[in-house]
Amino acid sequence: MPDLKNALLLLKDGIGAKIGDLFIGKENDSFYVTAVSRHYIVNKPLALAELEEVKKIFTEGLTSSVELQEIIGDSKIDFHLATYEGNGVGICSEVNGIIKWSSWVKD
């Protein structure tokens, strides 16, 4: 898996990297995991389901990769879901278990 090895090398150097459908980066003492929604029109229930899937995919990857575990260590992990329009427009984030919504996302 050369892409995974390259991504892990970048993360070790503090540079964000794409692993599968997730972008993982580091900011200060925290890591952030960002994914792009698969849906063009998003509401809160749909976004919550996608955010849970992002967390599950990340946790499975972390469980299966000793190298990733060593890089992440005990760091805090923030999760983000975005649209893909240019640099992406935030839909929601989960930081310390608290979900924050962008104002445009409907119930």
PDB file of N, CA and C in Angstrom:
ATOM      1  N   MET A   1       0.817  -1.179   0.000  1.00  0.00           N
ATOM      2  CA  MET A   1       0.000   0.000   0.000  1.00  0.00           C
ATOM      3  C   MET A   1       0.869   1.255   0.000  1.00  0.00           C
ATOM      4  N   PRO A   2       1.418   1.623  -1.128  1.00  0.00           N
ATOM      5  CA  PRO A   2       2.311   2.784  -1.151  1.00  0.00           C
ATOM      6  C   PRO A   2       1.628   4.086  -0.757  1.00  0.00           C
ATOM      7  N   ASP A   3       0.341   4.276  -1.097  1.00  0.00           N
ATOM      8  CA  ASP A   3      -0.356   5.509  -0.735  1.00  0.00           C
ATOM      9  C   ASP A   3      -0.461   5.667   0.777  1.00  0.00           C
ATOM     10  N   LEU A   4      -0.747   4.573   1.480  1.00  0.00           N
ATOM     11  CA  LEU A   4      -0.841   4.617   2.931  1.00  0.00           C
ATOM     12  C   LEU A   4       0.527   4.923   3.533  1.00  0.00           C
ATOM     13  N   LYS A   5       1.549   4.290   3.030  1.00  0.00           N
ATOM     14  CA  LYS A   5       2.906   4.538   3.549  1.00  0.00           C
ATOM     15  C   LYS A   5       3.302   5.997   3.351  1.00  0.00           C
ATOM     16  N   ASN A   6       3.016   6.552   2.176  1.00  0.00           N
ATOM     17  CA  ASN A   6       3.315   7.964   1.920  1.00  0.00           C
ATOM     18  C   ASN A   6       2.523   8.874   2.847  1.00  0.00           C
ATOM     19  N   ALA A   7       1.251   8.567   3.038  1.00  0.00           N
ATOM     20  CA  ALA A   7       0.409   9.375   3.916  1.00  0.00           C
ATOM     21  C   ALA A   7       0.939   9.334   5.348  1.00  0.00           C
ATOM     22  N   LEU A   8       1.346   8.174   5.806  1.00  0.00           N
ATOM     23  CA  LEU A   8       1.873   8.052   7.163  1.00  0.00           C
ATOM     24  C   LEU A   8       3.164   8.840   7.323  1.00  0.00           C
ATOM     25  N   LEU A   9       4.005   8.836   6.291  1.00  0.00           N
ATOM     26  CA  LEU A   9       5.236   9.630   6.339  1.00  0.00           C
ATOM     27  C   LEU A   9       4.914  11.126   6.436  1.00  0.00           C
ATOM     28  N   LEU A  10       3.927  11.570   5.661  1.00  0.00           N
ATOM     29  CA  LEU A  10       3.523  12.974   5.717  1.00  0.00           C
ATOM     30  C   LEU A  10       2.981  13.335   7.100  1.00  0.00           C
ATOM     31  N   LEU A  11       2.132  12.467   7.650  1.00  0.00           N
ATOM     32  CA  LEU A  11       1.568  12.739   8.964  1.00  0.00           C
ATOM     33  C   LEU A  11       2.653  12.805  10.041  1.00  0.00           C
ATOM     34  N   LYS A  12       3.644  11.932   9.937  1.00  0.00           N
ATOM     35  CA  LYS A  12       4.757  11.968  10.898  1.00  0.00           C
ATOM     36  C   LYS A  12       5.468  13.309  10.864  1.00  0.00           C
ATOM     37  N   ASP A  13       5.510  13.923   9.678  1.00  0.00           N
ATOM     38  CA  ASP A  13       6.164  15.228   9.528  1.00  0.00           C
ATOM     39  C   ASP A  13       5.211  16.391   9.802  1.00  0.00           C
ATOM     40  N   GLY A  14       3.991  16.076  10.254  1.00  0.00           N
ATOM     41  CA  GLY A  14       3.030  17.130  10.576  1.00  0.00           C
ATOM     42  C   GLY A  14       2.300  17.694   9.373  1.00  0.00           C
ATOM     43  N   ILE A  15       2.356  16.985   8.266  1.00  0.00           N
ATOM     44  CA  ILE A  15       1.700  17.421   7.033  1.00  0.00           C
ATOM     45  C   ILE A  15       0.431  16.602   6.845  1.00  0.00           C
ATOM     46  N   GLY A  16      -0.679  17.256   6.551  1.00  0.00           N
ATOM     47  CA  GLY A  16      -1.938  16.557   6.339  1.00  0.00           C
ATOM     48  C   GLY A  16      -1.867  15.621   5.148  1.00  0.00           C
ATOM     49  N   ALA A  17      -2.658  14.560   5.205  1.00  0.00           N
ATOM     50  CA  ALA A  17      -2.625  13.563   4.140  1.00  0.00           C
ATOM     51  C   ALA A  17      -3.994  12.922   3.962  1.00  0.00           C
ATOM     52  N   LYS A  18      -4.256  12.504   2.739  1.00  0.00           N
ATOM     53  CA  LYS A  18      -5.498  11.798   2.414  1.00  0.00           C
ATOM     54  C   LYS A  18      -5.248  10.304   2.562  1.00  0.00           C
ATOM     55  N   ILE A  19      -6.090   9.673   3.347  1.00  0.00           N
ATOM     56  CA  ILE A  19      -6.046   8.222   3.506  1.00  0.00           C
ATOM     57  C   ILE A  19      -7.436   7.722   3.162  1.00  0.00           C
ATOM     58  N   GLY A  20      -7.555   7.062   2.031  1.00  0.00           N
ATOM     59  CA  GLY A  20      -8.869   6.633   1.560  1.00  0.00           C
ATOM     60  C   GLY A  20      -9.728   7.853   1.286  1.00  0.00           C
ATOM     61  N   ASP A  21     -10.913   7.896   1.885  1.00  0.00           N
ATOM     62  CA  ASP A  21     -11.831   9.018   1.694  1.00  0.00           C
ATOM     63  C   ASP A  21     -11.674  10.098   2.769  1.00  0.00           C
ATOM     64  N   LEU A  22     -10.704   9.917   3.650  1.00  0.00           N
ATOM     65  CA  LEU A  22     -10.522  10.848   4.760  1.00  0.00           C
ATOM     66  C   LEU A  22      -9.271  11.688   4.572  1.00  0.00           C
ATOM     67  N   PHE A  23      -9.354  12.948   4.967  1.00  0.00           N
ATOM     68  CA  PHE A  23      -8.167  13.792   5.025  1.00  0.00           C
ATOM     69  C   PHE A  23      -7.846  13.961   6.498  1.00  0.00           C
ATOM     70  N   ILE A  24      -6.615  13.627   6.874  1.00  0.00           N
ATOM     71  CA  ILE A  24      -6.197  13.712   8.268  1.00  0.00           C
ATOM     72  C   ILE A  24      -5.071  14.724   8.359  1.00  0.00           C
ATOM     73  N   GLY A  25      -5.206  15.635   9.297  1.00  0.00           N
ATOM     74  CA  GLY A  25      -4.182  16.650   9.489  1.00  0.00           C
ATOM     75  C   GLY A  25      -3.986  16.927  10.960  1.00  0.00           C
ATOM     76  N   LYS A  26      -3.003  17.762  11.248  1.00  0.00           N
ATOM     77  CA  LYS A  26      -2.706  18.101  12.634  1.00  0.00           C
ATOM     78  C   LYS A  26      -2.698  19.607  12.788  1.00  0.00           C
ATOM     79  N   GLU A  27      -3.309  20.048  13.862  1.00  0.00           N
ATOM     80  CA  GLU A  27      -3.323  21.472  14.192  1.00  0.00           C
ATOM     81  C   GLU A  27      -3.065  21.578  15.692  1.00  0.00           C
ATOM     82  N   ASN A  28      -1.965  22.196  16.035  1.00  0.00           N
ATOM     83  CA  ASN A  28      -1.524  22.282  17.432  1.00  0.00           C
ATOM     84  C   ASN A  28      -1.379  20.874  18.000  1.00  0.00           C
ATOM     85  N   ASP A  29      -2.090  20.564  19.070  1.00  0.00           N
ATOM     86  CA  ASP A  29      -1.968  19.239  19.692  1.00  0.00           C
ATOM     87  C   ASP A  29      -3.091  18.293  19.298  1.00  0.00           C
ATOM     88  N   SER A  30      -3.908  18.695  18.341  1.00  0.00           N
ATOM     89  CA  SER A  30      -5.051  17.886  17.927  1.00  0.00           C
ATOM     90  C   SER A  30      -4.901  17.429  16.485  1.00  0.00           C
ATOM     91  N   PHE A  31      -5.545  16.326  16.191  1.00  0.00           N
ATOM     92  CA  PHE A  31      -5.667  15.874  14.811  1.00  0.00           C
ATOM     93  C   PHE A  31      -7.091  16.156  14.364  1.00  0.00           C
ATOM     94  N   TYR A  32      -7.257  16.396  13.080  1.00  0.00           N
ATOM     95  CA  TYR A  32      -8.605  16.563  12.539  1.00  0.00           C
ATOM     96  C   TYR A  32      -8.779  15.590  11.383  1.00  0.00           C
ATOM     97  N   VAL A  33      -9.980  15.082  11.286  1.00  0.00           N
ATOM     98  CA  VAL A  33     -10.348  14.135  10.240  1.00  0.00           C
ATOM     99  C   VAL A  33     -11.508  14.761   9.480  1.00  0.00           C
ATOM    100  N   THR A  34     -11.320  14.957   8.188  1.00  0.00           N
ATOM    101  CA  THR A  34     -12.346  15.594   7.365  1.00  0.00           C
ATOM    102  C   THR A  34     -12.753  14.663   6.238  1.00  0.00           C
ATOM    103  N   ALA A  35     -14.039  14.604   5.979  1.00  0.00           N
ATOM    104  CA  ALA A  35     -14.562  13.832   4.854  1.00  0.00           C
ATOM    105  C   ALA A  35     -15.522  14.721   4.070  1.00  0.00           C
ATOM    106  N   VAL A  36     -15.661  14.401   2.809  1.00  0.00           N
ATOM    107  CA  VAL A  36     -16.580  15.122   1.934  1.00  0.00           C
ATOM    108  C   VAL A  36     -17.882  14.327   1.863  1.00  0.00           C
ATOM    109  N   SER A  37     -18.992  15.021   2.037  1.00  0.00           N
ATOM    110  CA  SER A  37     -20.302  14.375   1.957  1.00  0.00           C
ATOM    111  C   SER A  37     -20.507  13.781   0.566  1.00  0.00           C
ATOM    112  N   ARG A  38     -21.183  12.661   0.536  1.00  0.00           N
ATOM    113  CA  ARG A  38     -21.502  12.022  -0.748  1.00  0.00           C
ATOM    114  C   ARG A  38     -22.791  12.595  -1.340  1.00  0.00           C
ATOM    115  N   HIS A  39     -23.429  13.492  -0.608  1.00  0.00           N
ATOM    116  CA  HIS A  39     -24.733  14.008  -1.018  1.00  0.00           C
ATOM    117  C   HIS A  39     -24.655  15.471  -1.428  1.00  0.00           C
ATOM    118  N   TYR A  40     -25.423  15.812  -2.426  1.00  0.00           N
ATOM    119  CA  TYR A  40     -25.464  17.192  -2.893  1.00  0.00           C
ATOM    120  C   TYR A  40     -26.346  18.044  -1.977  1.00  0.00           C
ATOM    121  N   ILE A  41     -27.478  17.489  -1.573  1.00  0.00           N
ATOM    122  CA  ILE A  41     -28.380  18.174  -0.655  1.00  0.00           C
ATOM    123  C   ILE A  41     -28.273  17.467   0.692  1.00  0.00           C
ATOM    124  N   VAL A  42     -27.953  18.234   1.737  1.00  0.00           N
ATOM    125  CA  VAL A  42     -27.684  17.654   3.044  1.00  0.00           C
ATOM    126  C   VAL A  42     -28.605  18.263   4.090  1.00  0.00           C
ATOM    127  N   ASN A  43     -29.124  17.400   4.970  1.00  0.00           N
ATOM    128  CA  ASN A  43     -29.857  17.876   6.142  1.00  0.00           C
ATOM    129  C   ASN A  43     -29.171  17.296   7.379  1.00  0.00           C
ATOM    130  N   LYS A  44     -29.608  17.696   8.561  1.00  0.00           N
ATOM    131  CA  LYS A  44     -28.926  17.277   9.789  1.00  0.00           C
ATOM    132  C   LYS A  44     -28.934  15.762  10.010  1.00  0.00           C
ATOM    133  N   PRO A  45     -30.070  15.066   9.840  1.00  0.00           N
ATOM    134  CA  PRO A  45     -30.028  13.617  10.051  1.00  0.00           C
ATOM    135  C   PRO A  45     -29.066  12.908   9.082  1.00  0.00           C
ATOM    136  N   LEU A  46     -29.060  13.330   7.849  1.00  0.00           N
ATOM    137  CA  LEU A  46     -28.172  12.735   6.853  1.00  0.00           C
ATOM    138  C   LEU A  46     -26.707  13.018   7.211  1.00  0.00           C
ATOM    139  N   ALA A  47     -26.433  14.254   7.596  1.00  0.00           N
ATOM    140  CA  ALA A  47     -25.066  14.626   7.959  1.00  0.00           C
ATOM    141  C   ALA A  47     -24.601  13.879   9.200  1.00  0.00           C
ATOM    142  N   LEU A  48     -25.476  13.727  10.192  1.00  0.00           N
ATOM    143  CA  LEU A  48     -25.098  12.977  11.397  1.00  0.00           C
ATOM    144  C   LEU A  48     -24.742  11.534  11.066  1.00  0.00           C
ATOM    145  N   ALA A  49     -25.518  10.922  10.191  1.00  0.00           N
ATOM    146  CA  ALA A  49     -25.225   9.543   9.785  1.00  0.00           C
ATOM    147  C   ALA A  49     -23.873   9.467   9.081  1.00  0.00           C
ATOM    148  N   GLU A  50     -23.591  10.435   8.223  1.00  0.00           N
ATOM    149  CA  GLU A  50     -22.303  10.448   7.532  1.00  0.00           C
ATOM    150  C   GLU A  50     -21.147  10.709   8.499  1.00  0.00           C
ATOM    151  N   LEU A  51     -21.351  11.602   9.450  1.00  0.00           N
ATOM    152  CA  LEU A  51     -20.307  11.887  10.429  1.00  0.00           C
ATOM    153  C   LEU A  51     -20.007  10.642  11.261  1.00  0.00           C
ATOM    154  N   GLU A  52     -21.030   9.901  11.639  1.00  0.00           N
ATOM    155  CA  GLU A  52     -20.821   8.642  12.382  1.00  0.00           C
ATOM    156  C   GLU A  52     -20.036   7.646  11.532  1.00  0.00           C
ATOM    157  N   GLU A  53     -20.338   7.602  10.243  1.00  0.00           N
ATOM    158  CA  GLU A  53     -19.614   6.706   9.344  1.00  0.00           C
ATOM    159  C   GLU A  53     -18.142   7.115   9.247  1.00  0.00           C
ATOM    160  N   VAL A  54     -17.883   8.415   9.196  1.00  0.00           N
ATOM    161  CA  VAL A  54     -16.503   8.919   9.161  1.00  0.00           C
ATOM    162  C   VAL A  54     -15.757   8.476  10.409  1.00  0.00           C
ATOM    163  N   LYS A  55     -16.389   8.616  11.555  1.00  0.00           N
ATOM    164  CA  LYS A  55     -15.761   8.220  12.815  1.00  0.00           C
ATOM    165  C   LYS A  55     -15.489   6.714  12.832  1.00  0.00           C
ATOM    166  N   LYS A  56     -16.433   5.943  12.306  1.00  0.00           N
ATOM    167  CA  LYS A  56     -16.271   4.482  12.265  1.00  0.00           C
ATOM    168  C   LYS A  56     -15.105   4.101  11.344  1.00  0.00           C
ATOM    169  N   ILE A  57     -15.043   4.697  10.171  1.00  0.00           N
ATOM    170  CA  ILE A  57     -13.965   4.401   9.217  1.00  0.00           C
ATOM    171  C   ILE A  57     -12.614   4.769   9.825  1.00  0.00           C
ATOM    172  N   PHE A  58     -12.548   5.936  10.461  1.00  0.00           N
ATOM    173  CA  PHE A  58     -11.296   6.351  11.084  1.00  0.00           C
ATOM    174  C   PHE A  58     -10.893   5.387  12.198  1.00  0.00           C
ATOM    175  N   THR A  59     -11.839   5.012  13.047  1.00  0.00           N
ATOM    176  CA  THR A  59     -11.550   4.095  14.153  1.00  0.00           C
ATOM    177  C   THR A  59     -11.072   2.742  13.637  1.00  0.00           C
ATOM    178  N   GLU A  60     -11.708   2.242  12.575  1.00  0.00           N
ATOM    179  CA  GLU A  60     -11.268   0.967  11.991  1.00  0.00           C
ATOM    180  C   GLU A  60      -9.856   1.085  11.439  1.00  0.00           C
ATOM    181  N   GLY A  61      -9.549   2.203  10.778  1.00  0.00           N
ATOM    182  CA  GLY A  61      -8.202   2.417  10.256  1.00  0.00           C
ATOM    183  C   GLY A  61      -7.181   2.528  11.366  1.00  0.00           C
ATOM    184  N   LEU A  62      -7.551   3.201  12.430  1.00  0.00           N
ATOM    185  CA  LEU A  62      -6.658   3.359  13.574  1.00  0.00           C
ATOM    186  C   LEU A  62      -6.397   2.011  14.233  1.00  0.00           C
ATOM    187  N   THR A  63      -7.434   1.198  14.347  1.00  0.00           N
ATOM    188  CA  THR A  63      -7.304  -0.122  14.959  1.00  0.00           C
ATOM    189  C   THR A  63      -6.402  -1.034  14.136  1.00  0.00           C
ATOM    190  N   SER A  64      -6.442  -0.888  12.817  1.00  0.00           N
ATOM    191  CA  SER A  64      -5.701  -1.793  11.953  1.00  0.00           C
ATOM    192  C   SER A  64      -4.288  -1.314  11.607  1.00  0.00           C
ATOM    193  N   SER A  65      -3.898  -0.119  12.035  1.00  0.00           N
ATOM    194  CA  SER A  65      -2.582   0.409  11.672  1.00  0.00           C
ATOM    195  C   SER A  65      -1.800   0.837  12.913  1.00  0.00           C
ATOM    196  N   VAL A  66      -0.809   0.054  13.252  1.00  0.00           N
ATOM    197  CA  VAL A  66       0.055   0.382  14.387  1.00  0.00           C
ATOM    198  C   VAL A  66       0.768   1.704  14.140  1.00  0.00           C
ATOM    199  N   GLU A  67       1.188   1.934  12.888  1.00  0.00           N
ATOM    200  CA  GLU A  67       1.890   3.184  12.570  1.00  0.00           C
ATOM    201  C   GLU A  67       0.995   4.398  12.808  1.00  0.00           C
ATOM    202  N   LEU A  68      -0.266   4.293  12.386  1.00  0.00           N
ATOM    203  CA  LEU A  68      -1.200   5.401  12.603  1.00  0.00           C
ATOM    204  C   LEU A  68      -1.459   5.590  14.090  1.00  0.00           C
ATOM    205  N   GLN A  69      -1.576   4.504  14.840  1.00  0.00           N
ATOM    206  CA  GLN A  69      -1.756   4.594  16.287  1.00  0.00           C
ATOM    207  C   GLN A  69      -0.589   5.333  16.932  1.00  0.00           C
ATOM    208  N   GLU A  70       0.623   5.041  16.477  1.00  0.00           N
ATOM    209  CA  GLU A  70       1.809   5.698  17.039  1.00  0.00           C
ATOM    210  C   GLU A  70       1.812   7.194  16.725  1.00  0.00           C
ATOM    211  N   ILE A  71       1.367   7.555  15.534  1.00  0.00           N
ATOM    212  CA  ILE A  71       1.337   8.967  15.140  1.00  0.00           C
ATOM    213  C   ILE A  71       0.268   9.724  15.932  1.00  0.00           C
ATOM    214  N   ILE A  72      -0.922   9.152  16.031  1.00  0.00           N
ATOM    215  CA  ILE A  72      -2.037   9.815  16.707  1.00  0.00           C
ATOM    216  C   ILE A  72      -1.831   9.824  18.223  1.00  0.00           C
ATOM    217  N   GLY A  73      -1.348   8.705  18.752  1.00  0.00           N
ATOM    218  CA  GLY A  73      -1.126   8.615  20.199  1.00  0.00           C
ATOM    219  C   GLY A  73      -2.388   8.933  20.976  1.00  0.00           C
ATOM    220  N   ASP A  74      -2.248   9.781  22.000  1.00  0.00           N
ATOM    221  CA  ASP A  74      -3.378  10.171  22.843  1.00  0.00           C
ATOM    222  C   ASP A  74      -3.954  11.532  22.445  1.00  0.00           C
ATOM    223  N   SER A  75      -3.638  11.973  21.244  1.00  0.00           N
ATOM    224  CA  SER A  75      -4.096  13.290  20.796  1.00  0.00           C
ATOM    225  C   SER A  75      -5.612  13.340  20.679  1.00  0.00           C
ATOM    226  N   LYS A  76      -6.147  14.533  20.841  1.00  0.00           N
ATOM    227  CA  LYS A  76      -7.573  14.774  20.632  1.00  0.00           C
ATOM    228  C   LYS A  76      -7.837  14.709  19.129  1.00  0.00           C
ATOM    229  N   ILE A  77      -8.996  14.196  18.762  1.00  0.00           N
ATOM    230  CA  ILE A  77      -9.357  14.080  17.350  1.00  0.00           C
ATOM    231  C   ILE A  77     -10.675  14.804  17.110  1.00  0.00           C
ATOM    232  N   ASP A  78     -10.653  15.748  16.170  1.00  0.00           N
ATOM    233  CA  ASP A  78     -11.842  16.488  15.771  1.00  0.00           C
ATOM    234  C   ASP A  78     -12.304  15.939  14.422  1.00  0.00           C
ATOM    235  N   PHE A  79     -13.608  15.786  14.266  1.00  0.00           N
ATOM    236  CA  PHE A  79     -14.165  15.252  13.021  1.00  0.00           C
ATOM    237  C   PHE A  79     -14.956  16.338  12.302  1.00  0.00           C
ATOM    238  N   HIS A  80     -14.822  16.367  10.967  1.00  0.00           N
ATOM    239  CA  HIS A  80     -15.492  17.381  10.157  1.00  0.00           C
ATOM    240  C   HIS A  80     -16.107  16.739   8.920  1.00  0.00           C
ATOM    241  N   LEU A  81     -17.246  17.281   8.517  1.00  0.00           N
ATOM    242  CA  LEU A  81     -17.906  16.859   7.287  1.00  0.00           C
ATOM    243  C   LEU A  81     -18.110  18.113   6.445  1.00  0.00           C
ATOM    244  N   ALA A  82     -17.775  18.029   5.173  1.00  0.00           N
ATOM    245  CA  ALA A  82     -17.852  19.196   4.291  1.00  0.00           C
ATOM    246  C   ALA A  82     -18.453  18.810   2.949  1.00  0.00           C
ATOM    247  N   THR A  83     -18.874  19.841   2.212  1.00  0.00           N
ATOM    248  CA  THR A  83     -19.275  19.636   0.822  1.00  0.00           C
ATOM    249  C   THR A  83     -18.008  19.783  -0.009  1.00  0.00           C
ATOM    250  N   TYR A  84     -18.074  19.420  -1.245  1.00  0.00           N
ATOM    251  CA  TYR A  84     -16.910  19.626  -2.102  1.00  0.00           C
ATOM    252  C   TYR A  84     -17.244  20.683  -3.129  1.00  0.00           C
ATOM    253  N   GLU A  85     -17.029  21.897  -2.737  1.00  0.00           N
ATOM    254  CA  GLU A  85     -17.204  23.033  -3.641  1.00  0.00           C
ATOM    255  C   GLU A  85     -15.951  23.869  -3.487  1.00  0.00           C
ATOM    256  N   GLY A  86     -15.016  23.729  -4.394  1.00  0.00           N
ATOM    257  CA  GLY A  86     -13.738  24.424  -4.255  1.00  0.00           C
ATOM    258  C   GLY A  86     -12.963  23.809  -3.112  1.00  0.00           C
ATOM    259  N   ASN A  87     -12.738  24.570  -2.061  1.00  0.00           N
ATOM    260  CA  ASN A  87     -12.034  24.064  -0.891  1.00  0.00           C
ATOM    261  C   ASN A  87     -12.962  23.360   0.082  1.00  0.00           C
ATOM    262  N   GLY A  88     -14.220  23.274  -0.239  1.00  0.00           N
ATOM    263  CA  GLY A  88     -15.183  22.623   0.634  1.00  0.00           C
ATOM    264  C   GLY A  88     -15.856  23.624   1.547  1.00  0.00           C
ATOM    265  N   VAL A  89     -17.119  23.398   1.794  1.00  0.00           N
ATOM    266  CA  VAL A  89     -17.898  24.238   2.697  1.00  0.00           C
ATOM    267  C   VAL A  89     -18.303  23.345   3.857  1.00  0.00           C
ATOM    268  N   GLY A  90     -18.008  23.781   5.063  1.00  0.00           N
ATOM    269  CA  GLY A  90     -18.308  22.969   6.228  1.00  0.00           C
ATOM    270  C   GLY A  90     -19.786  22.688   6.386  1.00  0.00           C
ATOM    271  N   ILE A  91     -20.099  21.460   6.761  1.00  0.00           N
ATOM    272  CA  ILE A  91     -21.473  21.068   7.076  1.00  0.00           C
ATOM    273  C   ILE A  91     -21.616  21.014   8.592  1.00  0.00           C
ATOM    274  N   CYS A  92     -20.714  20.228   9.220  1.00  0.00           N
ATOM    275  CA  CYS A  92     -20.736  20.115  10.673  1.00  0.00           C
ATOM    276  C   CYS A  92     -19.383  19.627  11.152  1.00  0.00           C
ATOM    277  N   SER A  93     -19.186  19.757  12.451  1.00  0.00           N
ATOM    278  CA  SER A  93     -17.966  19.241  13.066  1.00  0.00           C
ATOM    279  C   SER A  93     -18.324  18.681  14.431  1.00  0.00           C
ATOM    280  N   GLU A  94     -17.506  17.768  14.894  1.00  0.00           N
ATOM    281  CA  GLU A  94     -17.644  17.246  16.245  1.00  0.00           C
ATOM    282  C   GLU A  94     -16.315  17.424  16.942  1.00  0.00           C
ATOM    283  N   VAL A  95     -16.312  18.263  17.962  1.00  0.00           N
ATOM    284  CA  VAL A  95     -15.116  18.558  18.731  1.00  0.00           C
ATOM    285  C   VAL A  95     -15.456  18.317  20.193  1.00  0.00           C
ATOM    286  N   ASN A  96     -14.702  17.451  20.840  1.00  0.00           N
ATOM    287  CA  ASN A  96     -14.966  17.107  22.247  1.00  0.00           C
ATOM    288  C   ASN A  96     -16.393  16.613  22.456  1.00  0.00           C
ATOM    289  N   GLY A  97     -16.920  15.879  21.487  1.00  0.00           N
ATOM    290  CA  GLY A  97     -18.258  15.314  21.609  1.00  0.00           C
ATOM    291  C   GLY A  97     -19.391  16.288  21.334  1.00  0.00           C
ATOM    292  N   ILE A  98     -19.072  17.529  20.992  1.00  0.00           N
ATOM    293  CA  ILE A  98     -20.098  18.541  20.727  1.00  0.00           C
ATOM    294  C   ILE A  98     -20.181  18.783  19.223  1.00  0.00           C
ATOM    295  N   ILE A  99     -21.377  18.666  18.690  1.00  0.00           N
ATOM    296  CA  ILE A  99     -21.579  18.873  17.256  1.00  0.00           C
ATOM    297  C   ILE A  99     -21.956  20.320  17.005  1.00  0.00           C
ATOM    298  N   LYS A 100     -21.261  20.929  16.056  1.00  0.00           N
ATOM    299  CA  LYS A 100     -21.556  22.300  15.643  1.00  0.00           C
ATOM    300  C   LYS A 100     -21.969  22.263  14.183  1.00  0.00           C
ATOM    301  N   TRP A 101     -23.011  23.014  13.866  1.00  0.00           N
ATOM    302  CA  TRP A 101     -23.587  23.018  12.525  1.00  0.00           C
ATOM    303  C   TRP A 101     -23.290  24.321  11.815  1.00  0.00           C
ATOM    304  N   SER A 102     -23.095  24.231  10.520  1.00  0.00           N
ATOM    305  CA  SER A 102     -23.067  25.433   9.702  1.00  0.00           C
ATOM    306  C   SER A 102     -24.493  25.960   9.625  1.00  0.00           C
ATOM    307  N   SER A 103     -24.638  27.265   9.542  1.00  0.00           N
ATOM    308  CA  SER A 103     -25.970  27.885   9.604  1.00  0.00           C
ATOM    309  C   SER A 103     -26.884  27.484   8.453  1.00  0.00           C
ATOM    310  N   TRP A 104     -26.328  27.072   7.340  1.00  0.00           N
ATOM    311  CA  TRP A 104     -27.160  26.760   6.176  1.00  0.00           C
ATOM    312  C   TRP A 104     -27.756  25.360   6.203  1.00  0.00           C
ATOM    313  N   VAL A 105     -27.313  24.505   7.118  1.00  0.00           N
ATOM    314  CA  VAL A 105     -27.802  23.113   7.156  1.00  0.00           C
ATOM    315  C   VAL A 105     -29.175  23.090   7.825  1.00  0.00           C
ATOM    316  N   LYS A 106     -30.138  22.507   7.140  1.00  0.00           N
ATOM    317  CA  LYS A 106     -31.522  22.450   7.613  1.00  0.00           C
ATOM    318  C   LYS A 106     -31.759  21.199   8.459  1.00  0.00           C
ATOM    319  N   ASP A 107     -32.774  21.291   9.324  1.00  0.00           N
ATOM    320  CA  ASP A 107     -33.167  20.135  10.134  1.00  0.00           C
ATOM    321  C   ASP A 107     -33.730  19.063   9.244  1.00  0.00           C
TER     322      ASP A 107
END
